């Protein structure tokens, strides 16, 4: 019940306003839940991207180490 009813007047005059306020409050709660869900999913996506980035760098360093090892072996085997 709203404070407007204490002032007086017909309940039919204020019922539509009370309904509109209830709808707005429900929409705000729904928006908050949706935002919380989006933030949760974005956090999970960011964590997955960080793991993927670590794996990518590990692969890059592994390939670079393999190339360097191959080059070093080629230098050691080459006739001097």
N, C-alpha and C. Protein backbone atom coordinates (compact mmCIF):
# COMPACT_ATOMS: atom_id res chain seq x y z
N UNK A 1 0.84 -1.18 0.00
CA UNK A 1 0.00 0.00 0.00
C UNK A 1 0.88 1.24 0.00
N UNK A 2 0.44 2.19 -0.69
CA UNK A 2 1.27 3.37 -0.81
C UNK A 2 0.84 4.45 0.17
N UNK A 3 1.70 5.41 0.38
CA UNK A 3 1.41 6.50 1.32
C UNK A 3 0.34 7.43 0.77
N UNK A 4 0.07 7.35 -0.50
CA UNK A 4 -0.93 8.24 -1.10
C UNK A 4 -2.32 7.96 -0.58
N UNK A 5 -2.59 6.74 -0.18
CA UNK A 5 -3.93 6.39 0.29
C UNK A 5 -4.25 7.07 1.62
N UNK A 6 -3.23 7.37 2.39
CA UNK A 6 -3.47 8.03 3.67
C UNK A 6 -4.02 9.43 3.47
N UNK A 7 -3.73 10.03 2.32
CA UNK A 7 -4.18 11.38 2.04
C UNK A 7 -5.67 11.39 1.77
N UNK A 8 -6.17 10.34 1.19
CA UNK A 8 -7.59 10.26 0.90
C UNK A 8 -7.82 10.11 -0.58
N UNK A 9 -9.04 9.92 -0.94
CA UNK A 9 -9.39 9.77 -2.33
C UNK A 9 -9.80 8.35 -2.63
N UNK A 10 -10.23 8.15 -3.81
CA UNK A 10 -10.73 6.86 -4.23
C UNK A 10 -9.59 5.89 -4.46
N UNK A 11 -9.80 4.63 -4.07
CA UNK A 11 -8.78 3.63 -4.32
C UNK A 11 -8.65 3.36 -5.81
N UNK A 12 -9.69 3.59 -6.56
CA UNK A 12 -9.64 3.37 -8.01
C UNK A 12 -8.74 4.39 -8.69
N UNK A 13 -8.58 5.52 -8.05
CA UNK A 13 -7.71 6.56 -8.61
C UNK A 13 -6.25 6.14 -8.54
N UNK A 14 -5.86 5.40 -7.47
CA UNK A 14 -4.46 5.08 -7.24
C UNK A 14 -4.09 3.64 -7.61
N UNK A 15 -5.05 2.78 -7.86
CA UNK A 15 -4.74 1.39 -8.17
C UNK A 15 -3.84 1.25 -9.39
N UNK A 16 -4.09 2.03 -10.42
CA UNK A 16 -3.27 1.92 -11.63
C UNK A 16 -1.82 2.33 -11.35
N UNK A 17 -1.63 3.33 -10.46
CA UNK A 17 -0.27 3.75 -10.12
C UNK A 17 0.43 2.66 -9.31
N UNK A 18 -0.31 2.03 -8.39
CA UNK A 18 0.29 0.95 -7.60
C UNK A 18 0.70 -0.21 -8.50
N UNK A 19 -0.13 -0.53 -9.48
CA UNK A 19 0.19 -1.60 -10.42
C UNK A 19 1.43 -1.25 -11.24
N UNK A 20 1.52 -0.01 -11.68
CA UNK A 20 2.69 0.41 -12.46
C UNK A 20 3.95 0.33 -11.61
N UNK A 21 3.85 0.74 -10.33
CA UNK A 21 5.02 0.66 -9.45
C UNK A 21 5.43 -0.79 -9.23
N UNK A 22 4.47 -1.68 -9.07
CA UNK A 22 4.78 -3.10 -8.88
C UNK A 22 5.45 -3.68 -10.12
N UNK A 23 4.96 -3.29 -11.29
CA UNK A 23 5.57 -3.78 -12.53
C UNK A 23 7.01 -3.27 -12.67
N UNK A 24 7.22 -2.00 -12.33
CA UNK A 24 8.58 -1.45 -12.41
C UNK A 24 9.51 -2.16 -11.43
N UNK A 25 9.02 -2.41 -10.22
CA UNK A 25 9.85 -3.09 -9.24
C UNK A 25 10.18 -4.51 -9.70
N UNK A 26 9.20 -5.20 -10.28
CA UNK A 26 9.45 -6.56 -10.78
C UNK A 26 10.45 -6.52 -11.94
N UNK A 27 10.32 -5.53 -12.81
CA UNK A 27 11.25 -5.42 -13.94
C UNK A 27 12.66 -5.13 -13.46
N UNK A 28 12.79 -4.29 -12.43
CA UNK A 28 14.11 -3.99 -11.88
C UNK A 28 14.74 -5.23 -11.27
N UNK A 29 13.96 -6.04 -10.54
CA UNK A 29 14.49 -7.28 -9.98
C UNK A 29 14.92 -8.24 -11.08
N UNK A 30 14.12 -8.31 -12.13
CA UNK A 30 14.46 -9.18 -13.25
C UNK A 30 15.74 -8.71 -13.92
N UNK A 31 15.88 -7.41 -14.10
CA UNK A 31 17.11 -6.87 -14.71
C UNK A 31 18.33 -7.17 -13.85
N UNK A 32 18.18 -7.07 -12.52
CA UNK A 32 19.30 -7.38 -11.62
C UNK A 32 19.71 -8.84 -11.74
N UNK A 33 18.73 -9.74 -11.81
CA UNK A 33 19.04 -11.16 -11.95
C UNK A 33 19.72 -11.45 -13.29
N UNK A 34 19.23 -10.82 -14.33
CA UNK A 34 19.85 -11.01 -15.65
C UNK A 34 21.28 -10.50 -15.65
N UNK A 35 21.50 -9.35 -15.04
CA UNK A 35 22.85 -8.79 -14.98
C UNK A 35 23.78 -9.70 -14.18
N UNK A 36 23.29 -10.25 -13.08
CA UNK A 36 24.10 -11.17 -12.28
C UNK A 36 24.44 -12.42 -13.10
N UNK A 37 23.49 -12.92 -13.85
CA UNK A 37 23.75 -14.08 -14.70
C UNK A 37 24.77 -13.78 -15.77
N UNK A 38 24.66 -12.61 -16.38
CA UNK A 38 25.64 -12.22 -17.41
C UNK A 38 27.04 -12.07 -16.82
N UNK A 39 27.13 -11.45 -15.65
CA UNK A 39 28.44 -11.28 -15.02
C UNK A 39 29.05 -12.63 -14.67
N UNK A 40 28.23 -13.56 -14.21
CA UNK A 40 28.72 -14.90 -13.90
C UNK A 40 29.26 -15.58 -15.15
N UNK A 41 28.48 -15.52 -16.23
CA UNK A 41 28.92 -16.16 -17.48
C UNK A 41 30.17 -15.48 -18.04
N UNK A 42 30.22 -14.16 -17.97
CA UNK A 42 31.41 -13.45 -18.46
C UNK A 42 32.65 -13.83 -17.64
N UNK A 43 32.49 -14.00 -16.35
CA UNK A 43 33.61 -14.43 -15.51
C UNK A 43 34.11 -15.80 -15.92
N UNK A 44 33.18 -16.71 -16.21
CA UNK A 44 33.58 -18.05 -16.65
C UNK A 44 34.27 -17.99 -18.01
N UNK A 45 33.78 -17.16 -18.91
CA UNK A 45 34.40 -17.03 -20.24
C UNK A 45 35.81 -16.45 -20.10
N UNK A 46 35.97 -15.44 -19.24
CA UNK A 46 37.29 -14.85 -19.04
C UNK A 46 38.27 -15.87 -18.47
N UNK A 47 37.82 -16.68 -17.53
CA UNK A 47 38.69 -17.71 -16.95
C UNK A 47 39.09 -18.72 -18.02
N UNK A 48 38.15 -19.11 -18.87
CA UNK A 48 38.46 -20.06 -19.94
C UNK A 48 39.45 -19.46 -20.93
N UNK A 49 39.29 -18.17 -21.23
CA UNK A 49 40.23 -17.52 -22.14
C UNK A 49 41.63 -17.43 -21.54
N UNK A 50 41.71 -17.19 -20.24
CA UNK A 50 43.03 -17.15 -19.60
C UNK A 50 43.71 -18.52 -19.68
N UNK A 51 42.94 -19.59 -19.43
CA UNK A 51 43.52 -20.93 -19.54
C UNK A 51 43.97 -21.22 -20.96
N UNK A 52 43.16 -20.82 -21.93
CA UNK A 52 43.51 -21.02 -23.33
C UNK A 52 44.77 -20.25 -23.69
N UNK A 53 44.90 -19.02 -23.19
CA UNK A 53 46.08 -18.22 -23.46
C UNK A 53 47.33 -18.87 -22.88
N UNK A 54 47.21 -19.42 -21.66
CA UNK A 54 48.37 -20.10 -21.05
C UNK A 54 48.78 -21.30 -21.89
N UNK A 55 47.80 -22.06 -22.36
CA UNK A 55 48.12 -23.22 -23.20
C UNK A 55 48.76 -22.79 -24.51
N UNK A 56 48.28 -21.71 -25.08
CA UNK A 56 48.85 -21.22 -26.33
C UNK A 56 50.30 -20.81 -26.15
N UNK A 57 50.60 -20.07 -25.07
CA UNK A 57 51.97 -19.66 -24.83
C UNK A 57 52.86 -20.85 -24.54
N UNK A 58 52.34 -21.83 -23.82
CA UNK A 58 53.12 -23.04 -23.57
C UNK A 58 53.46 -23.75 -24.88
N UNK A 59 52.51 -23.79 -25.80
CA UNK A 59 52.75 -24.40 -27.11
C UNK A 59 53.79 -23.61 -27.89
N UNK A 60 53.69 -22.29 -27.88
CA UNK A 60 54.65 -21.45 -28.60
C UNK A 60 56.06 -21.66 -28.04
N UNK A 61 56.18 -21.64 -26.72
CA UNK A 61 57.50 -21.85 -26.11
C UNK A 61 58.03 -23.26 -26.38
N UNK A 62 57.14 -24.25 -26.40
CA UNK A 62 57.55 -25.61 -26.71
C UNK A 62 58.09 -25.73 -28.12
N UNK A 63 57.41 -25.12 -29.08
CA UNK A 63 57.87 -25.15 -30.47
C UNK A 63 59.20 -24.42 -30.60
N UNK A 64 59.31 -23.27 -29.94
CA UNK A 64 60.57 -22.51 -30.00
C UNK A 64 61.72 -23.32 -29.40
N UNK A 65 61.47 -24.01 -28.29
CA UNK A 65 62.50 -24.83 -27.67
C UNK A 65 62.88 -25.98 -28.59
N UNK A 66 61.91 -26.57 -29.27
CA UNK A 66 62.21 -27.65 -30.22
C UNK A 66 63.05 -27.18 -31.37
N UNK A 67 62.74 -26.00 -31.90
CA UNK A 67 63.52 -25.46 -33.00
C UNK A 67 64.94 -25.16 -32.54
N UNK A 68 65.09 -24.57 -31.38
CA UNK A 68 66.43 -24.27 -30.86
C UNK A 68 67.22 -25.55 -30.59
N UNK A 69 66.57 -26.56 -30.04
CA UNK A 69 67.25 -27.84 -29.80
C UNK A 69 67.68 -28.47 -31.11
N UNK A 70 66.84 -28.41 -32.12
CA UNK A 70 67.18 -28.98 -33.42
C UNK A 70 68.38 -28.23 -34.02
N UNK A 71 68.37 -26.91 -33.90
CA UNK A 71 69.48 -26.12 -34.40
C UNK A 71 70.77 -26.44 -33.66
N UNK A 72 70.68 -26.59 -32.35
CA UNK A 72 71.88 -26.90 -31.56
C UNK A 72 72.42 -28.27 -31.93
N UNK A 73 71.55 -29.25 -32.14
CA UNK A 73 72.01 -30.58 -32.57
C UNK A 73 72.66 -30.52 -33.95
N UNK A 74 72.08 -29.73 -34.82
CA UNK A 74 72.67 -29.60 -36.16
C UNK A 74 74.07 -28.98 -36.08
N UNK A 75 74.27 -28.03 -35.18
CA UNK A 75 75.59 -27.42 -35.03
C UNK A 75 76.59 -28.40 -34.43
N UNK A 76 76.11 -29.25 -33.52
CA UNK A 76 77.01 -30.20 -32.87
C UNK A 76 77.44 -31.32 -33.84
N UNK A 77 76.56 -31.68 -34.76
CA UNK A 77 76.85 -32.77 -35.68
C UNK A 77 77.66 -32.28 -36.88
N UNK A 78 77.55 -31.03 -37.21
CA UNK A 78 78.23 -30.49 -38.39
C UNK A 78 79.73 -30.65 -38.26
N UNK A 79 80.37 -31.02 -39.39
CA UNK A 79 81.83 -31.15 -39.34
C UNK A 79 82.48 -29.80 -39.10
N UNK A 80 83.39 -29.80 -38.30
CA UNK A 80 84.02 -28.56 -37.89
C UNK A 80 85.34 -28.37 -38.40
